[in-house]
Amino acid sequence: MNITLQNTDELNAVITVNIQKEDVAENVEKALKEYRRKAQVPGFRPGMVPMGLIKKMYGDSLMVEAINKKISEGLNDYLTTENLNILGDPLPSENQETIDFDETDNYNFAFDIALAPEFELKLTKREKIMYYLIDVNDEMVDKHIDQYRQRFGEFNEAEAASEESLLRGLLIEADEDMNPKEDGVQKEDASIYIGSVKDEEIKTQLINVKLGESIGFNLKKALPNDAELSSLLDIDKDKLENISENFRFSVELIRDFKHAELNEELFEKITQNPEIKTEEDFRNYMKEEIQNSLVNESEYRFKLDAKEKLLKKLNLNLPEEFLKRWLLYVNKELDQEQLNSYFDSFADDLRWTLITNKLLKENEVEITQEDAIEQAKIEMMYQFRQYGMSNVPDDVLEKYATEMLQKENDAKRILEQVGERKALEIIKEAVKIEESLVSVEEFDKLFAKN
């Protein structure tokens, strides 16, 4: 087997793999013998089928299989040995000549490849990139505290309803006059949370209801979401159209929601810190928690700005025709219209990957298993925070992080995140960073430009 490379331009090349029949003859012969041993052909005992018949039946397919395997191994070895920085994967050449295995023992297979562009990347303090810090104001702290108070609040039985009451009782399908229908839908122990009612007029009716009273209203207008209504009445969604809009609700229980009190018990429950005893200390803790949660937002904005600046600075050319062809080849469900709609974004992401990889390589940055675990722990920590768990023990985080990294796709994503983060740290050291303190509203407006 012989492999040669011919550049067609700076970004495209053709690899030609020359294979002689003798290169795969031994493997084909071995496969034929195995087929003969196992073949079950009418009129012949197992293992006694003539080799000529086996060759006639399976010879061509086994030859193609052996050649494809030889090509795959040869290409991989060649790309590794020659240290070629390619984009995507080799594709069968559009100029590949038809091969007749019966006419010749000498086969040439051509593959198109895309070469990554070569470029210099020099960053200096003359280049400026903004870094936006989000100002945490009292309103944000108040909102954050209210979310915790609601999370740790509870329902208490009451005689009269309020806007955040949970009503429980008997729901009966009613006629136009709000009288119970004979053989109508009934649901005992039905629960309606007044805060979820969409119609304001009906919500007002429910707020004024008292324990033991009965009230008629348009249930479909109160809860227009079919999934919610289906769950409340315990019937299939496709049967909702067959029931009346009107229902009568006999209130048997009122539970009024009360937000948790701001006291030392709540402070310790949330912070796991018995030293936080005053509302001022608690607000400071909340402010710091918000600031920590917003670091990712600032980092993400910095990444977008750094990416935009370096893409514009370098203006890297890519072998776009090959890449489009490759994307269609590896994504069979992708059509031309879909490809055109997202290709520019794909190309910029690819350019950014080339830039970050170059930064890591030139600065001799290595990504270790410890780096991956720490990044996975950060991701797990944010997932726990979504469920109100802000003080998860480190050993628990590490356990979940280790499990995450055992999944191939998650591990690849985490390693890419680590590499990008380290590349951004290099950029921060190399260029001039100009910090700007902005409000949440001002920060959000920055994304309207993207």
Protein backbone atom coordinates (compact mmCIF):
# COMPACT_ATOMS: atom_id res chain seq x y z
CA MET A 1 0.00 0.00 0.00
CA ASN A 2 1.22 3.48 -0.90
CA ILE A 3 -0.26 6.81 0.25
CA THR A 4 0.46 10.21 -1.33
CA LEU A 5 -0.75 13.75 -0.67
CA GLN A 6 -1.34 16.46 -3.26
CA ASN A 7 -2.37 19.98 -2.24
CA THR A 8 -4.97 21.59 -4.48
CA ASP A 9 -4.71 24.91 -2.60
CA GLU A 10 -3.79 26.15 0.89
CA LEU A 11 -6.92 24.68 2.46
CA ASN A 12 -7.69 21.61 0.36
CA ALA A 13 -5.77 18.49 -0.59
CA VAL A 14 -6.28 15.03 -2.06
CA ILE A 15 -4.92 11.88 -0.45
CA THR A 16 -4.49 8.96 -2.85
CA VAL A 17 -4.32 5.46 -1.41
CA ASN A 18 -2.86 2.86 -3.77
CA ILE A 19 -3.64 -0.74 -2.86
CA GLN A 20 -2.50 -3.86 -4.67
CA LYS A 21 -4.66 -6.94 -4.60
CA GLU A 22 -1.83 -8.75 -2.85
CA ASP A 23 -2.04 -6.24 0.05
CA VAL A 24 -5.35 -7.76 1.13
CA ALA A 25 -5.08 -11.25 -0.41
CA GLU A 26 -4.12 -12.93 2.85
CA ASN A 27 -7.01 -11.35 4.77
CA VAL A 28 -9.50 -12.20 2.01
CA GLU A 29 -8.29 -15.81 1.88
CA LYS A 30 -8.62 -16.10 5.65
CA ALA A 31 -12.16 -14.70 5.54
CA LEU A 32 -13.14 -17.06 2.71
CA LYS A 33 -11.93 -20.07 4.71
CA GLU A 34 -13.97 -18.91 7.69
CA TYR A 35 -17.05 -18.49 5.50
CA ARG A 36 -16.49 -21.97 4.02
CA ARG A 37 -16.27 -23.46 7.51
CA LYS A 38 -19.59 -21.92 8.56
CA ALA A 39 -21.49 -21.87 5.25
CA GLN A 40 -24.70 -23.86 5.03
CA VAL A 41 -25.41 -24.52 1.37
CA PRO A 42 -28.08 -27.02 0.26
CA GLY A 43 -26.45 -30.19 -1.08
CA PHE A 44 -23.23 -29.80 0.89
CA ARG A 45 -22.22 -30.78 4.38
CA PRO A 46 -20.96 -27.93 6.67
CA GLY A 47 -17.33 -27.16 5.86
CA MET A 48 -17.41 -29.13 2.58
CA VAL A 49 -18.68 -26.41 0.21
CA PRO A 50 -16.20 -26.04 -2.72
CA MET A 51 -13.96 -22.98 -2.31
CA GLY A 52 -14.77 -21.94 -5.89
CA LEU A 53 -18.44 -21.64 -4.99
CA ILE A 54 -17.62 -19.71 -1.81
CA LYS A 55 -15.47 -17.28 -3.83
CA LYS A 56 -18.26 -16.82 -6.36
CA MET A 57 -20.79 -16.14 -3.61
CA TYR A 58 -18.72 -13.97 -1.25
CA GLY A 59 -15.41 -13.12 -2.93
CA ASP A 60 -16.25 -9.62 -4.18
CA SER A 61 -17.93 -8.46 -0.96
CA LEU A 62 -15.07 -9.79 1.17
CA MET A 63 -12.55 -8.09 -1.12
CA VAL A 64 -14.35 -4.74 -0.74
CA GLU A 65 -14.59 -5.22 3.03
CA ALA A 66 -10.87 -5.99 3.31
CA ILE A 67 -9.93 -3.03 1.12
CA ASN A 68 -12.12 -0.63 3.10
CA LYS A 69 -10.55 -1.82 6.35
CA LYS A 70 -7.05 -1.44 4.89
CA ILE A 71 -7.86 2.07 3.64
CA SER A 72 -9.31 3.14 7.00
CA GLU A 73 -6.28 1.90 8.93
CA GLY A 74 -3.87 3.37 6.39
CA LEU A 75 -5.54 6.79 6.38
CA ASN A 76 -5.60 7.03 10.17
CA ASP A 77 -1.93 6.03 10.41
CA TYR A 78 -0.95 8.47 7.66
CA LEU A 79 -2.79 11.44 9.20
CA THR A 80 -1.19 10.71 12.57
CA THR A 81 2.32 10.13 11.21
CA GLU A 82 2.28 13.22 8.99
CA ASN A 83 0.71 15.28 11.81
CA LEU A 84 -1.82 16.80 9.43
CA ASN A 85 -4.18 19.32 11.03
CA ILE A 86 -7.36 18.54 9.15
CA LEU A 87 -10.93 19.78 9.53
CA GLY A 88 -13.72 17.22 9.56
CA ASP A 89 -12.96 13.80 8.09
CA PRO A 90 -11.60 12.61 4.73
CA LEU A 91 -14.35 12.27 2.13
CA PRO A 92 -14.35 10.07 -0.98
CA SER A 93 -13.15 12.34 -3.77
CA GLU A 94 -15.70 13.72 -6.19
CA ASN A 95 -13.20 12.83 -8.94
CA GLN A 96 -12.84 9.20 -7.88
CA GLU A 97 -12.61 6.90 -10.90
CA THR A 98 -14.78 3.80 -11.06
CA ILE A 99 -12.87 0.68 -10.02
CA ASP A 100 -13.48 -2.73 -11.60
CA PHE A 101 -12.06 -5.37 -9.26
CA ASP A 102 -12.24 -8.01 -12.01
CA GLU A 103 -10.21 -6.00 -14.53
CA THR A 104 -7.22 -4.94 -12.44
CA ASP A 105 -5.22 -5.86 -9.36
CA ASN A 106 -4.10 -2.26 -8.79
CA TYR A 107 -6.57 0.08 -7.09
CA ASN A 108 -6.37 3.84 -6.50
CA PHE A 109 -8.71 5.50 -4.02
CA ALA A 110 -8.81 9.30 -3.74
CA PHE A 111 -9.99 11.22 -0.66
CA ASP A 112 -10.58 14.94 -0.31
CA ILE A 113 -9.38 16.52 2.94
CA ALA A 114 -9.65 20.02 4.39
CA LEU A 115 -6.59 21.61 5.96
CA ALA A 116 -6.82 23.95 8.93
CA PRO A 117 -5.57 27.45 8.04
CA GLU A 118 -2.15 28.45 9.33
CA PHE A 119 -2.04 31.79 11.15
CA GLU A 120 -0.06 33.90 13.60
CA LEU A 121 -1.74 35.06 16.80
CA LYS A 122 -0.07 37.90 18.67
CA LEU A 123 -1.98 39.67 21.44
CA THR A 124 -0.77 42.87 23.09
CA LYS A 125 -1.94 45.38 25.68
CA ARG A 126 -2.80 47.74 22.82
CA GLU A 127 -5.88 45.60 22.26
CA LYS A 128 -8.79 46.34 24.61
CA ILE A 129 -11.70 44.09 25.54
CA MET A 130 -14.49 45.16 27.89
CA TYR A 131 -15.36 43.12 30.97
CA TYR A 132 -18.83 43.90 32.32
CA LEU A 133 -19.58 43.55 36.04
CA ILE A 134 -23.26 43.49 36.98
CA ASP A 135 -24.25 45.81 39.81
CA VAL A 136 -26.34 43.98 42.43
CA ASN A 137 -28.91 46.47 43.75
CA ASP A 138 -31.37 46.29 46.65
CA GLU A 139 -34.24 45.34 44.36
CA MET A 140 -32.35 42.24 43.19
CA VAL A 141 -31.56 41.29 46.79
CA ASP A 142 -35.22 41.75 47.79
CA LYS A 143 -36.39 39.57 44.91
CA HIS A 144 -33.82 36.89 45.75
CA ILE A 145 -34.89 36.86 49.41
CA ASP A 146 -38.58 36.66 48.42
CA GLN A 147 -37.82 33.58 46.33
CA TYR A 148 -36.28 31.90 49.37
CA ARG A 149 -39.15 32.99 51.62
CA GLN A 150 -41.60 31.46 49.16
CA ARG A 151 -39.55 28.27 48.86
CA PHE A 152 -39.52 27.80 52.63
CA GLY A 153 -43.08 29.05 53.17
CA GLU A 154 -46.03 26.84 54.10
CA PHE A 155 -49.80 26.50 53.81
CA ASN A 156 -51.99 27.01 56.90
CA GLU A 157 -55.71 26.32 57.18
CA ALA A 158 -57.92 29.41 56.97
CA GLU A 159 -61.60 30.42 57.04
CA ALA A 160 -61.39 32.82 54.08
CA ALA A 161 -59.35 32.77 50.88
CA SER A 162 -56.61 35.13 49.74
CA GLU A 163 -54.71 35.57 46.46
CA GLU A 164 -52.27 32.80 47.39
CA SER A 165 -54.75 30.33 48.86
CA LEU A 166 -55.10 26.70 47.90
CA LEU A 167 -58.76 25.67 47.71
CA ARG A 168 -59.83 22.06 48.01
CA GLY A 169 -63.29 20.58 47.55
CA LEU A 170 -65.84 19.02 45.19
CA LEU A 171 -65.89 20.07 41.51
CA ILE A 172 -69.10 19.27 39.63
CA GLU A 173 -69.84 19.94 35.95
CA ALA A 174 -72.63 22.53 35.67
CA ASP A 175 -75.14 23.81 33.11
CA GLU A 176 -75.52 27.37 31.81
CA ASP A 177 -77.26 28.40 35.05
CA MET A 178 -74.39 26.95 37.12
CA ASN A 179 -76.57 24.13 38.43
CA PRO A 180 -74.96 20.66 38.75
CA LYS A 181 -75.53 18.50 35.65
CA GLU A 182 -76.95 15.04 35.97
CA ASP A 183 -74.25 12.47 35.17
CA GLY A 184 -71.77 15.33 34.77
CA VAL A 185 -68.07 15.11 35.52
CA GLN A 186 -67.30 15.13 39.24
CA LYS A 187 -63.96 15.38 41.00
CA GLU A 188 -63.72 14.97 44.74
CA ASP A 189 -60.86 16.52 46.67
CA ALA A 190 -60.02 18.79 43.71
CA SER A 191 -57.34 21.42 44.40
CA ILE A 192 -57.19 24.88 42.82
CA TYR A 193 -54.39 27.31 43.60
CA ILE A 194 -55.84 30.80 43.18
CA GLY A 195 -52.52 32.21 42.02
CA SER A 196 -52.65 29.97 38.93
CA VAL A 197 -56.09 31.19 37.79
CA LYS A 198 -55.71 33.17 34.55
CA ASP A 199 -59.02 35.05 34.40
CA GLU A 200 -58.95 38.07 36.75
CA GLU A 201 -62.73 38.21 37.26
CA ILE A 202 -62.87 34.54 38.29
CA LYS A 203 -59.78 35.02 40.45
CA THR A 204 -61.59 37.82 42.32
CA GLN A 205 -64.59 35.53 42.86
CA LEU A 206 -62.38 32.84 44.35
CA ILE A 207 -60.49 35.29 46.58
CA ASN A 208 -63.79 36.30 48.18
CA VAL A 209 -64.98 32.74 48.84
CA LYS A 210 -65.29 31.39 52.39
CA LEU A 211 -65.02 27.90 53.84
CA GLY A 212 -68.18 25.85 53.16
CA GLU A 213 -69.40 28.07 50.32
CA SER A 214 -70.17 26.95 46.77
CA ILE A 215 -69.25 28.98 43.71
CA GLY A 216 -69.98 28.54 39.99
CA PHE A 217 -67.56 29.72 37.30
CA ASN A 218 -66.16 28.98 33.83
CA LEU A 219 -63.42 26.46 34.61
CA LYS A 220 -61.98 26.45 31.08
CA LYS A 221 -61.56 30.22 31.22
CA ALA A 222 -59.99 30.02 34.68
CA LEU A 223 -57.52 27.32 33.61
CA PRO A 224 -57.14 27.49 29.80
CA ASN A 225 -54.17 25.11 29.74
CA ASP A 226 -55.46 21.66 28.68
CA ALA A 227 -52.72 19.77 30.51
CA GLU A 228 -53.50 21.58 33.77
CA LEU A 229 -57.25 21.08 33.34
CA SER A 230 -56.81 17.41 32.46
CA SER A 231 -54.73 16.88 35.60
CA LEU A 232 -57.25 18.70 37.81
CA LEU A 233 -60.26 16.69 36.58
CA ASP A 234 -58.28 13.46 36.13
CA ILE A 235 -59.53 12.90 32.56
CA ASP A 236 -57.76 12.57 29.20
CA LYS A 237 -57.04 15.78 27.29
CA ASP A 238 -58.86 14.54 24.19
CA LYS A 239 -62.07 14.27 26.24
CA LEU A 240 -62.03 17.87 27.48
CA GLU A 241 -63.97 19.14 24.46
CA ASN A 242 -66.90 16.92 25.46
CA ILE A 243 -67.42 18.54 28.86
CA SER A 244 -69.07 21.82 29.81
CA GLU A 245 -67.12 25.01 30.45
CA ASN A 246 -69.05 25.65 33.65
CA PHE A 247 -68.38 23.97 36.97
CA ARG A 248 -69.60 24.39 40.52
CA PHE A 249 -66.98 24.23 43.26
CA SER A 250 -67.91 23.44 46.88
CA VAL A 251 -65.05 24.64 49.07
CA GLU A 252 -64.25 22.14 51.83
CA LEU A 253 -60.76 23.34 52.78
CA ILE A 254 -58.85 26.62 52.47
CA ARG A 255 -55.12 26.62 52.98
CA ASP A 256 -53.49 30.04 52.95
CA PHE A 257 -49.86 30.30 51.87
CA LYS A 258 -47.57 32.19 54.23
CA HIS A 259 -44.05 33.21 53.30
CA ALA A 260 -41.32 32.17 55.71
CA GLU A 261 -40.48 34.76 58.36
CA LEU A 262 -37.12 36.54 58.18
CA ASN A 263 -35.51 35.23 61.33
CA GLU A 264 -32.39 33.39 62.52
CA GLU A 265 -34.00 30.02 61.85
CA LEU A 266 -34.50 30.87 58.17
CA PHE A 267 -31.03 32.46 57.89
CA GLU A 268 -29.32 29.30 59.12
CA LYS A 269 -31.56 27.03 57.07
CA ILE A 270 -30.53 28.84 53.88
CA THR A 271 -26.90 29.71 54.59
CA GLN A 272 -25.92 26.76 56.83
CA ASN A 273 -24.02 29.41 58.81
CA PRO A 274 -25.11 29.91 62.45
CA GLU A 275 -23.09 33.14 62.63
CA ILE A 276 -25.57 34.97 60.37
CA LYS A 277 -28.08 36.33 62.88
CA THR A 278 -29.18 39.75 61.59
CA GLU A 279 -31.13 40.75 58.51
CA GLU A 280 -28.21 42.95 57.45
CA ASP A 281 -25.81 40.00 57.55
CA PHE A 282 -28.33 37.89 55.66
CA ARG A 283 -28.76 40.54 52.97
CA ASN A 284 -24.99 40.75 52.56
CA TYR A 285 -24.89 36.97 52.16
CA MET A 286 -27.66 37.13 49.57
CA LYS A 287 -25.84 39.90 47.69
CA GLU A 288 -22.66 37.84 47.57
CA GLU A 289 -24.59 34.79 46.39
CA ILE A 290 -26.14 36.82 43.57
CA GLN A 291 -22.75 38.26 42.62
CA ASN A 292 -21.27 34.75 42.46
CA SER A 293 -24.13 33.56 40.29
CA LEU A 294 -23.59 36.50 37.91
CA VAL A 295 -19.89 35.77 37.37
CA ASN A 296 -20.85 33.26 34.70
CA GLU A 297 -22.91 35.94 32.95
CA SER A 298 -19.93 38.32 32.92
CA GLU A 299 -17.62 35.56 31.71
CA TYR A 300 -20.02 34.61 28.94
CA ARG A 301 -20.25 38.23 27.77
CA PHE A 302 -16.46 38.49 27.83
CA LYS A 303 -16.19 35.31 25.76
CA LEU A 304 -18.56 36.73 23.13
CA ASP A 305 -16.62 39.99 22.94
CA ALA A 306 -13.22 38.26 22.84
CA LYS A 307 -14.48 35.88 20.17
CA GLU A 308 -15.86 38.72 18.05
CA LYS A 309 -12.64 40.72 18.35
CA LEU A 310 -10.30 37.85 17.47
CA LEU A 311 -12.46 36.58 14.61
CA LYS A 312 -12.40 40.06 13.12
CA LYS A 313 -8.67 40.48 13.78
CA LEU A 314 -7.63 37.19 12.15
CA ASN A 315 -10.34 36.84 9.48
CA LEU A 316 -9.49 33.16 9.00
CA ASN A 317 -10.34 31.57 5.66
CA LEU A 318 -11.95 28.14 5.76
CA PRO A 319 -12.50 25.48 3.06
CA GLU A 320 -16.22 26.23 3.11
CA GLU A 321 -17.28 24.07 0.16
CA PHE A 322 -15.64 21.01 1.68
CA LEU A 323 -17.09 21.73 5.12
CA LYS A 324 -20.61 22.05 3.71
CA ARG A 325 -20.18 18.79 1.85
CA TRP A 326 -18.83 17.11 4.98
CA LEU A 327 -21.71 18.36 7.15
CA LEU A 328 -24.24 16.96 4.70
CA TYR A 329 -22.29 13.69 4.61
CA VAL A 330 -22.20 13.15 8.39
CA ASN A 331 -25.71 14.54 9.05
CA LYS A 332 -27.96 12.59 6.71
CA GLU A 333 -31.10 14.31 8.03
CA LEU A 334 -29.69 17.77 7.21
CA ASP A 335 -30.99 19.41 4.03
CA GLN A 336 -29.44 22.26 2.04
CA GLU A 337 -31.78 24.90 3.45
CA GLN A 338 -30.99 23.95 7.05
CA LEU A 339 -27.28 23.88 6.26
CA ASN A 340 -27.36 27.38 4.76
CA SER A 341 -29.24 28.75 7.76
CA TYR A 342 -26.65 27.71 10.34
CA PHE A 343 -23.39 27.36 8.41
CA ASP A 344 -22.09 30.86 9.22
CA SER A 345 -22.52 30.19 12.93
CA PHE A 346 -20.84 26.79 12.58
CA ALA A 347 -17.93 28.34 10.67
CA ASP A 348 -17.37 31.03 13.32
CA ASP A 349 -17.46 28.41 16.10
CA LEU A 350 -14.88 26.38 14.17
CA ARG A 351 -12.65 29.45 13.75
CA TRP A 352 -12.95 30.12 17.49
CA THR A 353 -11.96 26.52 18.26
CA LEU A 354 -8.87 26.89 16.05
CA ILE A 355 -7.96 30.10 17.90
CA THR A 356 -8.40 28.66 21.40
CA ASN A 357 -6.52 25.47 20.47
CA LYS A 358 -3.62 27.55 19.15
CA LEU A 359 -3.51 29.60 22.35
CA LEU A 360 -3.38 26.43 24.44
CA LYS A 361 -0.70 24.86 22.27
CA GLU A 362 1.56 27.92 22.05
CA ASN A 363 1.32 28.48 25.80
CA GLU A 364 1.92 24.77 26.49
CA VAL A 365 -1.27 24.50 28.53
CA GLU A 366 -2.32 21.00 29.54
CA ILE A 367 -5.79 19.93 30.57
CA THR A 368 -5.64 17.47 33.45
CA GLN A 369 -8.17 15.10 34.96
CA GLU A 370 -8.27 17.40 38.00
CA ASP A 371 -9.24 20.31 35.71
CA ALA A 372 -12.08 18.25 34.27
CA ILE A 373 -13.35 17.21 37.71
CA GLU A 374 -13.32 20.81 38.99
CA GLN A 375 -15.26 22.00 35.93
CA ALA A 376 -17.78 19.19 36.32
CA LYS A 377 -18.16 20.07 40.02
CA ILE A 378 -18.95 23.67 39.09
CA GLU A 379 -21.63 22.48 36.68
CA MET A 380 -23.12 20.17 39.31
CA MET A 381 -23.08 22.99 41.88
CA TYR A 382 -25.20 25.20 39.61
CA GLN A 383 -27.62 22.34 39.04
CA PHE A 384 -28.03 21.87 42.79
CA ARG A 385 -28.57 25.62 43.26
CA GLN A 386 -31.55 25.46 40.91
CA TYR A 387 -33.19 23.26 43.53
CA GLY A 388 -32.29 25.60 46.39
CA MET A 389 -29.27 23.57 47.55
CA SER A 390 -26.44 26.08 47.80
CA ASN A 391 -24.21 24.31 50.33
CA VAL A 392 -23.64 20.85 48.87
CA PRO A 393 -20.63 19.06 50.46
CA ASP A 394 -17.54 18.85 48.27
CA ASP A 395 -17.43 15.04 48.39
CA VAL A 396 -21.00 14.88 47.06
CA LEU A 397 -20.13 17.25 44.21
CA GLU A 398 -17.04 15.19 43.38
CA LYS A 399 -19.07 11.97 43.31
CA TYR A 400 -21.57 13.40 40.81
CA ALA A 401 -18.77 15.06 38.80
CA THR A 402 -16.90 11.76 38.48
CA GLU A 403 -20.08 10.02 37.31
CA MET A 404 -20.66 12.77 34.75
CA LEU A 405 -17.17 12.36 33.29
CA GLN A 406 -17.78 8.66 32.73
CA LYS A 407 -20.27 9.59 29.99
CA GLU A 408 -18.45 10.18 26.71
CA ASN A 409 -20.49 13.15 25.48
CA ASP A 410 -20.43 14.88 28.87
CA ALA A 411 -16.68 14.29 29.22
CA LYS A 412 -16.02 15.78 25.77
CA ARG A 413 -18.17 18.82 26.56
CA ILE A 414 -16.48 19.38 29.93
CA LEU A 415 -12.98 19.14 28.40
CA GLU A 416 -13.97 21.68 25.74
CA GLN A 417 -15.25 24.02 28.46
CA VAL A 418 -11.98 23.69 30.39
CA GLY A 419 -9.94 24.37 27.26
CA GLU A 420 -12.00 27.43 26.38
CA ARG A 421 -11.77 28.77 29.95
CA LYS A 422 -7.99 28.40 29.98
CA ALA A 423 -7.75 30.10 26.58
CA LEU A 424 -9.84 33.02 27.87
CA GLU A 425 -7.49 33.33 30.85
CA ILE A 426 -4.57 33.62 28.42
CA ILE A 427 -6.44 36.33 26.51
CA LYS A 428 -7.14 38.25 29.74
CA GLU A 429 -3.44 38.24 30.59
CA ALA A 430 -2.39 39.32 27.10
CA VAL A 431 -4.79 42.18 26.32
CA LYS A 432 -6.00 45.24 28.21
CA ILE A 433 -9.16 44.50 30.19
CA GLU A 434 -11.39 47.50 30.83
CA GLU A 435 -13.97 46.80 33.53
CA SER A 436 -17.38 48.45 33.48
CA LEU A 437 -20.02 48.26 36.23
CA VAL A 438 -23.49 48.11 34.65
CA SER A 439 -27.05 47.48 35.77
CA VAL A 440 -28.87 44.29 34.83
CA GLU A 441 -30.92 46.26 32.31
CA GLU A 442 -27.80 47.71 30.69
CA PHE A 443 -26.18 44.28 30.65
CA ASP A 444 -29.21 42.71 28.96
CA LYS A 445 -29.14 45.39 26.25
CA LEU A 446 -25.64 44.22 25.27
CA PHE A 447 -27.15 40.98 23.99
CA ALA A 448 -29.64 42.81 21.79
CA LYS A 449 -26.68 43.60 19.52
CA ASN A 450 -25.81 39.92 19.01
